[in-house]
Amino acid sequence: MHNLKMPVKQLYNEREASDVLGIALPLLHKILDKHIFNDGTTRPANVEFTPSDLLMIAYWVENAPTENVVAMPMRN
């Protein structure tokens, strides 16, 4: 949620949520599948988000491991 000057809406659709979060829609779907729809239920066709939902998703975005980075061993 990089743009704090945006007016707050009560509900955001998936496209609006991905725009506010600054991520691609497929990444939003991947995060939802990993953290929310991980008990065998399928993601609904239309998902809406509250500002609080976006805050939690932003946390998951920031703490997602980067797939293109190789972790280096710690130096002693």
C-alpha atoms as a PDB file:
ATOM      1  CA  MET A   1       0.000   0.000   0.000  1.00  0.00           C
ATOM      2  CA  HIS A   2       2.432   2.521  -1.276  1.00  0.00           C
ATOM      3  CA  ASN A   3       0.089   5.408  -1.994  1.00  0.00           C
ATOM      4  CA  LEU A   4      -1.280   6.643   1.317  1.00  0.00           C
ATOM      5  CA  LYS A   5      -3.052   9.607  -0.277  1.00  0.00           C
ATOM      6  CA  MET A   6      -5.558   7.438  -2.136  1.00  0.00           C
ATOM      7  CA  PRO A   7      -9.115   7.742  -0.845  1.00  0.00           C
ATOM      8  CA  VAL A   8     -10.131   4.752   1.223  1.00  0.00           C
ATOM      9  CA  LYS A   9     -12.931   2.639  -0.183  1.00  0.00           C
ATOM     10  CA  GLN A  10     -14.977   0.172   1.799  1.00  0.00           C
ATOM     11  CA  LEU A  11     -14.384  -2.678  -0.672  1.00  0.00           C
ATOM     12  CA  TYR A  12     -11.802  -3.293  -3.397  1.00  0.00           C
ATOM     13  CA  ASN A  13     -12.127  -5.858  -6.188  1.00  0.00           C
ATOM     14  CA  GLU A  14      -9.135  -8.000  -7.167  1.00  0.00           C
ATOM     15  CA  ARG A  15      -7.870  -5.617  -9.870  1.00  0.00           C
ATOM     16  CA  GLU A  16      -8.140  -2.593  -7.575  1.00  0.00           C
ATOM     17  CA  ALA A  17      -6.449  -4.498  -4.749  1.00  0.00           C
ATOM     18  CA  SER A  18      -3.519  -5.541  -6.930  1.00  0.00           C
ATOM     19  CA  ASP A  19      -3.167  -1.939  -8.152  1.00  0.00           C
ATOM     20  CA  VAL A  20      -3.187  -0.537  -4.604  1.00  0.00           C
ATOM     21  CA  LEU A  21      -0.666  -3.158  -3.481  1.00  0.00           C
ATOM     22  CA  GLY A  22       1.534  -2.540  -6.518  1.00  0.00           C
ATOM     23  CA  ILE A  23       1.599  -6.209  -7.529  1.00  0.00           C
ATOM     24  CA  ALA A  24       0.410  -8.211 -10.518  1.00  0.00           C
ATOM     25  CA  LEU A  25      -2.950  -9.954 -10.310  1.00  0.00           C
ATOM     26  CA  PRO A  26      -1.394 -13.458 -10.652  1.00  0.00           C
ATOM     27  CA  LEU A  27       0.826 -12.698  -7.631  1.00  0.00           C
ATOM     28  CA  LEU A  28      -2.242 -11.631  -5.641  1.00  0.00           C
ATOM     29  CA  HIS A  29      -3.894 -14.937  -6.551  1.00  0.00           C
ATOM     30  CA  LYS A  30      -0.764 -16.846  -5.522  1.00  0.00           C
ATOM     31  CA  ILE A  31      -0.688 -15.089  -2.136  1.00  0.00           C
ATOM     32  CA  LEU A  32      -4.394 -15.729  -1.570  1.00  0.00           C
ATOM     33  CA  ASP A  33      -3.968 -19.413  -2.432  1.00  0.00           C
ATOM     34  CA  LYS A  34      -0.973 -19.739  -0.108  1.00  0.00           C
ATOM     35  CA  HIS A  35      -2.323 -17.905   2.930  1.00  0.00           C
ATOM     36  CA  ILE A  36      -6.122 -18.020   2.762  1.00  0.00           C
ATOM     37  CA  PHE A  37      -7.487 -20.672   0.432  1.00  0.00           C
ATOM     38  CA  ASN A  38      -5.124 -23.402   1.621  1.00  0.00           C
ATOM     39  CA  ASP A  39      -7.581 -25.794   3.262  1.00  0.00           C
ATOM     40  CA  GLY A  40      -8.864 -27.424   0.099  1.00  0.00           C
ATOM     41  CA  THR A  41     -11.411 -24.737  -0.737  1.00  0.00           C
ATOM     42  CA  THR A  42     -11.106 -23.012  -4.067  1.00  0.00           C
ATOM     43  CA  ARG A  43     -10.768 -19.284  -4.456  1.00  0.00           C
ATOM     44  CA  PRO A  44     -14.134 -17.715  -5.380  1.00  0.00           C
ATOM     45  CA  ALA A  45     -14.472 -16.125  -8.814  1.00  0.00           C
ATOM     46  CA  ASN A  46     -14.997 -12.658  -7.332  1.00  0.00           C
ATOM     47  CA  VAL A  47     -13.156 -11.695  -4.158  1.00  0.00           C
ATOM     48  CA  GLU A  48     -13.533  -8.317  -2.493  1.00  0.00           C
ATOM     49  CA  PHE A  49     -11.166  -6.851   0.077  1.00  0.00           C
ATOM     50  CA  THR A  50     -11.468  -4.369   2.919  1.00  0.00           C
ATOM     51  CA  PRO A  51      -8.635  -1.942   3.712  1.00  0.00           C
ATOM     52  CA  SER A  52      -7.715  -4.241   6.627  1.00  0.00           C
ATOM     53  CA  ASP A  53      -7.450  -7.181   4.210  1.00  0.00           C
ATOM     54  CA  LEU A  54      -5.095  -5.142   2.040  1.00  0.00           C
ATOM     55  CA  LEU A  55      -2.930  -4.370   5.058  1.00  0.00           C
ATOM     56  CA  MET A  56      -2.514  -8.081   5.805  1.00  0.00           C
ATOM     57  CA  ILE A  57      -1.840  -8.928   2.166  1.00  0.00           C
ATOM     58  CA  ALA A  58       0.750  -6.112   2.010  1.00  0.00           C
ATOM     59  CA  TYR A  59       2.517  -7.766   4.957  1.00  0.00           C
ATOM     60  CA  TRP A  60       2.567 -11.088   3.105  1.00  0.00           C
ATOM     61  CA  VAL A  61       3.876  -9.369  -0.039  1.00  0.00           C
ATOM     62  CA  GLU A  62       6.723  -7.737   1.895  1.00  0.00           C
ATOM     63  CA  ASN A  63       7.674 -10.990   3.612  1.00  0.00           C
ATOM     64  CA  ALA A  64       7.418 -13.260   0.586  1.00  0.00           C
ATOM     65  CA  PRO A  65      10.703 -14.927  -0.300  1.00  0.00           C
ATOM     66  CA  THR A  66      12.147 -13.796  -3.584  1.00  0.00           C
ATOM     67  CA  GLU A  67      12.358 -16.677  -6.013  1.00  0.00           C
ATOM     68  CA  ASN A  68      15.220 -15.190  -8.022  1.00  0.00           C
ATOM     69  CA  VAL A  69      17.621 -14.779  -5.119  1.00  0.00           C
ATOM     70  CA  VAL A  70      19.917 -17.526  -3.895  1.00  0.00           C
ATOM     71  CA  ALA A  71      20.434 -17.430  -0.124  1.00  0.00           C
ATOM     72  CA  MET A  72      24.105 -17.179   0.793  1.00  0.00           C
ATOM     73  CA  PRO A  73      25.515 -18.903   3.886  1.00  0.00           C
ATOM     74  CA  MET A  74      26.343 -16.659   6.835  1.00  0.00           C
ATOM     75  CA  ARG A  75      29.959 -15.715   7.343  1.00  0.00           C
ATOM     76  CA  ASN A  76      31.666 -16.474  10.642  1.00  0.00           C
END
